Protein backbone atom coordinates (compact mmCIF):
# COMPACT_ATOMS: atom_id res chain seq x y z
CA UNK A 1 37.66 -368.54 0.10
CA UNK A 2 34.49 -368.42 -1.94
CA UNK A 3 33.68 -365.04 -3.43
CA UNK A 4 30.18 -363.73 -3.14
CA UNK A 5 28.53 -362.22 -6.18
CA UNK A 6 28.77 -358.46 -6.39
CA UNK A 7 24.99 -358.03 -6.25
CA UNK A 8 24.96 -359.79 -2.85
CA UNK A 9 27.73 -357.58 -1.46
CA UNK A 10 26.01 -354.37 -2.55
CA UNK A 11 22.78 -354.89 -0.64
CA UNK A 12 22.01 -351.16 -0.39
CA UNK A 13 21.16 -349.41 -3.65
CA UNK A 14 23.49 -346.60 -4.72
CA UNK A 15 21.90 -343.18 -4.63
CA UNK A 16 21.78 -341.08 -7.82
CA UNK A 17 24.12 -338.56 -6.19
CA UNK A 18 26.74 -341.25 -5.57
CA UNK A 19 26.37 -342.53 -9.13
CA UNK A 20 26.93 -339.01 -10.44
CA UNK A 21 29.98 -338.62 -8.20
CA UNK A 22 31.47 -341.90 -9.42
CA UNK A 23 30.82 -340.81 -12.99
CA UNK A 24 32.74 -337.55 -12.56
CA UNK A 25 35.57 -339.33 -10.73
CA UNK A 26 35.91 -341.76 -13.62
CA UNK A 27 36.11 -338.85 -16.07
CA UNK A 28 38.83 -337.19 -14.00
CA UNK A 29 40.81 -340.45 -13.85
CA UNK A 30 40.54 -340.87 -17.61
CA UNK A 31 41.66 -337.29 -18.20
CA UNK A 32 44.63 -337.77 -15.88
CA UNK A 33 45.76 -340.72 -17.99
CA UNK A 34 45.39 -338.90 -21.30
CA UNK A 35 47.93 -336.77 -23.11
CA UNK A 36 51.25 -335.50 -21.83
CA UNK A 37 52.16 -333.51 -18.73
CA UNK A 38 54.55 -330.55 -18.87
CA UNK A 39 56.68 -329.89 -15.79
CA UNK A 40 55.83 -326.22 -15.29
CA UNK A 41 53.26 -323.54 -16.01
CA UNK A 42 55.58 -320.58 -16.74
CA UNK A 43 59.30 -320.29 -17.25
CA UNK A 44 62.00 -317.72 -16.49
CA UNK A 45 65.34 -317.69 -18.30
CA UNK A 46 67.97 -315.74 -16.31
CA UNK A 47 70.53 -314.06 -18.55
CA UNK A 48 73.56 -315.83 -17.10
CA UNK A 49 72.14 -319.33 -17.37
CA UNK A 50 73.51 -321.53 -20.14
CA UNK A 51 70.16 -323.29 -20.40
CA UNK A 52 66.97 -324.13 -18.54
CA UNK A 53 65.02 -327.37 -18.77
CA UNK A 54 61.56 -328.80 -18.22
CA UNK A 55 60.17 -332.32 -18.14
CA UNK A 56 57.63 -333.88 -20.50
CA UNK A 57 55.86 -336.93 -19.07
CA UNK A 58 53.54 -339.34 -20.85
CA UNK A 59 51.22 -341.08 -18.35
CA UNK A 60 48.96 -342.43 -21.10
CA UNK A 61 48.96 -345.77 -22.88
CA UNK A 62 49.92 -344.46 -26.32
CA UNK A 63 53.02 -342.91 -27.80
CA UNK A 64 53.30 -339.24 -28.72
CA UNK A 65 55.56 -337.24 -30.98
CA UNK A 66 56.68 -334.15 -29.04
CA UNK A 67 57.59 -330.95 -30.88
CA UNK A 68 58.90 -327.87 -29.04
CA UNK A 69 59.34 -324.38 -30.42
CA UNK A 70 59.84 -320.91 -28.92
CA UNK A 71 58.16 -317.95 -30.62
CA UNK A 72 57.74 -314.22 -29.87
CA UNK A 73 55.35 -313.53 -27.02
CA UNK A 74 53.06 -310.92 -28.54
CA UNK A 75 49.96 -313.14 -28.58
CA UNK A 76 49.27 -312.79 -24.83
CA UNK A 77 46.72 -310.23 -23.65
CA UNK A 78 48.54 -307.08 -22.56
CA UNK A 79 51.90 -308.07 -24.06
CA UNK A 80 53.71 -305.25 -25.85
CA UNK A 81 54.12 -305.58 -29.60
CA UNK A 82 57.37 -307.20 -30.68
CA UNK A 83 57.60 -306.37 -34.35
CA UNK A 84 60.37 -308.19 -36.16
CA UNK A 85 61.58 -310.01 -33.03
CA UNK A 86 62.32 -313.59 -33.90
CA UNK A 87 62.82 -316.43 -31.48
CA UNK A 88 66.16 -316.33 -29.70
CA UNK A 89 65.91 -319.87 -28.35
CA UNK A 90 66.51 -323.40 -29.54
CA UNK A 91 64.99 -326.47 -27.92
CA UNK A 92 66.91 -329.71 -27.64
CA UNK A 93 65.66 -332.19 -28.48
CA UNK A 94 63.17 -330.28 -30.58
CA UNK A 95 61.41 -333.38 -31.91
CA UNK A 96 61.26 -336.77 -30.24
CA UNK A 97 58.99 -339.74 -29.61
CA UNK A 98 57.69 -340.27 -26.08
CA UNK A 99 56.54 -343.80 -25.32
CA UNK A 100 53.82 -344.67 -22.78
CA UNK A 101 54.67 -344.06 -19.13
CA UNK A 102 58.00 -342.45 -20.05
CA UNK A 103 59.52 -339.05 -19.33
CA UNK A 104 62.02 -336.90 -21.15
CA UNK A 105 63.74 -333.57 -20.52
CA UNK A 106 63.80 -330.65 -22.96
CA UNK A 107 66.48 -327.97 -22.69
CA UNK A 108 66.02 -324.39 -23.84
CA UNK A 109 69.16 -322.55 -24.92
CA UNK A 110 69.32 -318.81 -25.51
CA UNK A 111 71.17 -318.18 -28.76
CA UNK A 112 71.34 -314.40 -28.52
CA UNK A 113 69.36 -311.64 -30.13
CA UNK A 114 68.41 -307.99 -29.96
CA UNK A 115 66.57 -308.04 -26.63
CA UNK A 116 66.39 -305.12 -24.17
CA UNK A 117 68.86 -305.14 -21.31
CA UNK A 118 66.76 -303.01 -18.95
CA UNK A 119 63.59 -305.12 -18.85
CA UNK A 120 62.19 -308.60 -19.33
CA UNK A 121 61.29 -309.90 -22.77
CA UNK A 122 58.35 -312.23 -23.24
CA UNK A 123 58.39 -315.29 -25.48
CA UNK A 124 55.91 -318.11 -26.06
CA UNK A 125 56.94 -321.70 -25.45
CA UNK A 126 54.92 -324.07 -27.64
CA UNK A 127 54.84 -327.79 -26.90
CA UNK A 128 52.84 -329.91 -29.32
CA UNK A 129 51.90 -333.53 -28.56
CA UNK A 130 51.03 -335.48 -31.70
CA UNK A 131 49.44 -338.92 -31.15
CA UNK A 132 51.20 -341.75 -32.92
CA UNK A 133 49.38 -343.58 -35.69
CA UNK A 134 47.33 -346.47 -34.36
CA UNK A 135 45.49 -348.88 -36.61
CA UNK A 136 42.92 -349.51 -33.88
CA UNK A 137 42.02 -345.82 -33.64
CA UNK A 138 39.20 -344.45 -35.76
CA UNK A 139 38.67 -340.83 -36.75
CA UNK A 140 41.09 -337.97 -37.16
CA UNK A 141 43.89 -337.58 -34.62
CA UNK A 142 44.98 -334.01 -33.97
CA UNK A 143 47.93 -332.54 -32.12
CA UNK A 144 47.38 -330.98 -28.71
CA UNK A 145 49.36 -327.76 -28.36
CA UNK A 146 50.20 -326.22 -25.02
CA UNK A 147 51.44 -322.64 -24.74
CA UNK A 148 53.46 -321.22 -21.86
CA UNK A 149 54.94 -317.84 -21.03
CA UNK A 150 58.72 -317.70 -21.20
CA UNK A 151 60.40 -314.63 -19.72
CA UNK A 152 63.97 -313.70 -20.59
CA UNK A 153 65.31 -311.81 -17.55
CA UNK A 154 68.51 -309.73 -17.83
CA UNK A 155 70.76 -309.51 -14.81
CA UNK A 156 70.81 -306.44 -12.59
CA UNK A 157 67.16 -305.45 -12.92
CA UNK A 158 65.99 -303.17 -10.12
CA UNK A 159 63.65 -304.49 -7.46
CA UNK A 160 62.33 -307.97 -6.79
CA UNK A 161 59.99 -309.81 -9.19
CA UNK A 162 57.62 -310.85 -6.38
CA UNK A 163 57.16 -307.23 -5.30
CA UNK A 164 56.54 -305.79 -8.76
CA UNK A 165 52.76 -306.19 -8.73
CA UNK A 166 52.55 -304.06 -5.58
CA UNK A 167 54.13 -301.18 -7.48
CA UNK A 168 51.30 -300.92 -10.03
CA UNK A 169 49.86 -297.41 -10.19
CA UNK A 170 46.15 -297.10 -10.87
CA UNK A 171 44.32 -293.93 -11.94
CA UNK A 172 41.12 -292.79 -13.65
CA UNK A 173 40.80 -290.83 -16.85
CA UNK A 174 37.18 -290.02 -17.72
CA UNK A 175 35.49 -293.44 -18.06
CA UNK A 176 38.70 -295.43 -18.16
CA UNK A 177 40.94 -296.97 -15.53
CA UNK A 178 44.63 -296.67 -16.34
CA UNK A 179 47.28 -298.96 -14.87
CA UNK A 180 50.96 -298.09 -15.06
CA UNK A 181 53.77 -300.59 -14.50
CA UNK A 182 56.93 -298.67 -13.53
CA UNK A 183 58.98 -301.86 -13.03
CA UNK A 184 61.19 -303.82 -15.48
CA UNK A 185 59.15 -306.99 -14.87
CA UNK A 186 56.12 -308.46 -16.59
CA UNK A 187 53.20 -308.70 -14.19
CA UNK A 188 50.71 -311.52 -14.77
CA UNK A 189 47.34 -310.67 -13.25
CA UNK A 190 45.59 -313.63 -11.69
CA UNK A 191 42.46 -311.73 -10.64
CA UNK A 192 41.29 -308.20 -11.33
CA UNK A 193 38.08 -306.43 -10.36
CA UNK A 194 37.13 -302.81 -10.98
CA UNK A 195 34.22 -301.34 -9.07
CA UNK A 196 33.22 -304.80 -7.88
CA UNK A 197 33.10 -306.22 -11.42
CA UNK A 198 35.55 -308.99 -12.31
CA UNK A 199 37.63 -308.67 -15.46
CA UNK A 200 37.58 -311.99 -17.31
CA UNK A 201 41.11 -311.75 -18.70
CA UNK A 202 43.35 -309.30 -16.87
CA UNK A 203 46.30 -310.59 -18.84
CA UNK A 204 49.71 -308.99 -18.50
CA UNK A 205 51.08 -305.58 -17.66
CA UNK A 206 54.28 -305.15 -19.66
CA UNK A 207 57.36 -303.46 -18.19
CA UNK A 208 57.36 -299.64 -18.27
CA UNK A 209 53.96 -299.60 -19.95
CA UNK A 210 50.33 -298.58 -19.43
CA UNK A 211 47.01 -300.30 -20.08
CA UNK A 212 43.48 -298.95 -20.08
CA UNK A 213 40.29 -300.72 -18.98
CA UNK A 214 36.74 -299.66 -19.88
CA UNK A 215 35.29 -299.79 -16.39
CA UNK A 216 34.31 -297.57 -13.47
CA UNK A 217 32.02 -295.39 -15.61
CA UNK A 218 29.82 -294.42 -12.68
CA UNK A 219 30.79 -291.34 -10.64
CA UNK A 220 32.14 -291.80 -7.14
CA UNK A 221 34.83 -294.02 -5.70
CA UNK A 222 35.92 -297.05 -7.74
CA UNK A 223 37.77 -299.80 -5.93
CA UNK A 224 40.50 -301.72 -7.75
CA UNK A 225 41.40 -305.17 -6.45
CA UNK A 226 44.17 -307.24 -8.03
CA UNK A 227 46.32 -310.32 -7.54
CA UNK A 228 49.30 -311.57 -9.50
CA UNK A 229 51.14 -314.83 -10.17
CA UNK A 230 54.84 -315.08 -9.32
CA UNK A 231 57.65 -317.03 -11.01
CA UNK A 232 56.62 -320.30 -9.35
CA UNK A 233 52.90 -320.07 -10.11
CA UNK A 234 52.02 -318.88 -6.61
CA UNK A 235 49.00 -316.58 -6.30
CA UNK A 236 50.10 -313.47 -4.45
CA UNK A 237 47.99 -311.71 -1.77
CA UNK A 238 45.35 -309.28 -2.98
CA UNK A 239 45.88 -305.53 -3.03
CA UNK A 240 43.20 -302.85 -3.23
CA UNK A 241 43.14 -299.18 -4.14
CA UNK A 242 40.27 -296.70 -4.18
CA UNK A 243 40.11 -294.34 -7.14
CA UNK A 244 38.16 -291.10 -6.94
CA UNK A 245 36.28 -289.88 -9.98
């Protein structure tokens, strides 16, 4: 069968909108093929588990050196300060090469440490992907680091993690809005608005702690609306509360 030239098949000119759409689709496809993919967005380590694991997949056409390390979790917005707390985890393998279109599994093992028994403790899981040296590549190649929340969860904590965000207590103090978390769980806010104004980074509400927000300065009723993210990355239903001045 004789093939017709492409310019004969495409008799109708492509509109600028379609060209723009194809351009964005090509960018998305290129991004999907670049870098490495981590199997998870947040991780929970139950106290009685010997280890937990996650996958690292390389869908790209080049090799990467993968380096994994667990550090204290104080860098997240709203996390309580953890002075002197060192990492209580080891990753195995900690350093390995990941070839194109391959996948590997990394295990995290809790090695013990002075962590509270009545609440969760937050750590930061760092996964760095370092491109392998390639003589055909020009310019400087830099590592891409991904950071994830890692929660160490003791056994026997009261309540259910999915219900914790509903227990948040909101109040007003002069020009500030105060939120109190009476639960032993970290609550990750997905969306937060105060008086109809969205908060860019609601961050975390640490266990048995309070946070203050500089909003709702006008007199009258201020509505608080919030959503949280559960252990599996699901966005929980919104809750609202009206605060009187």
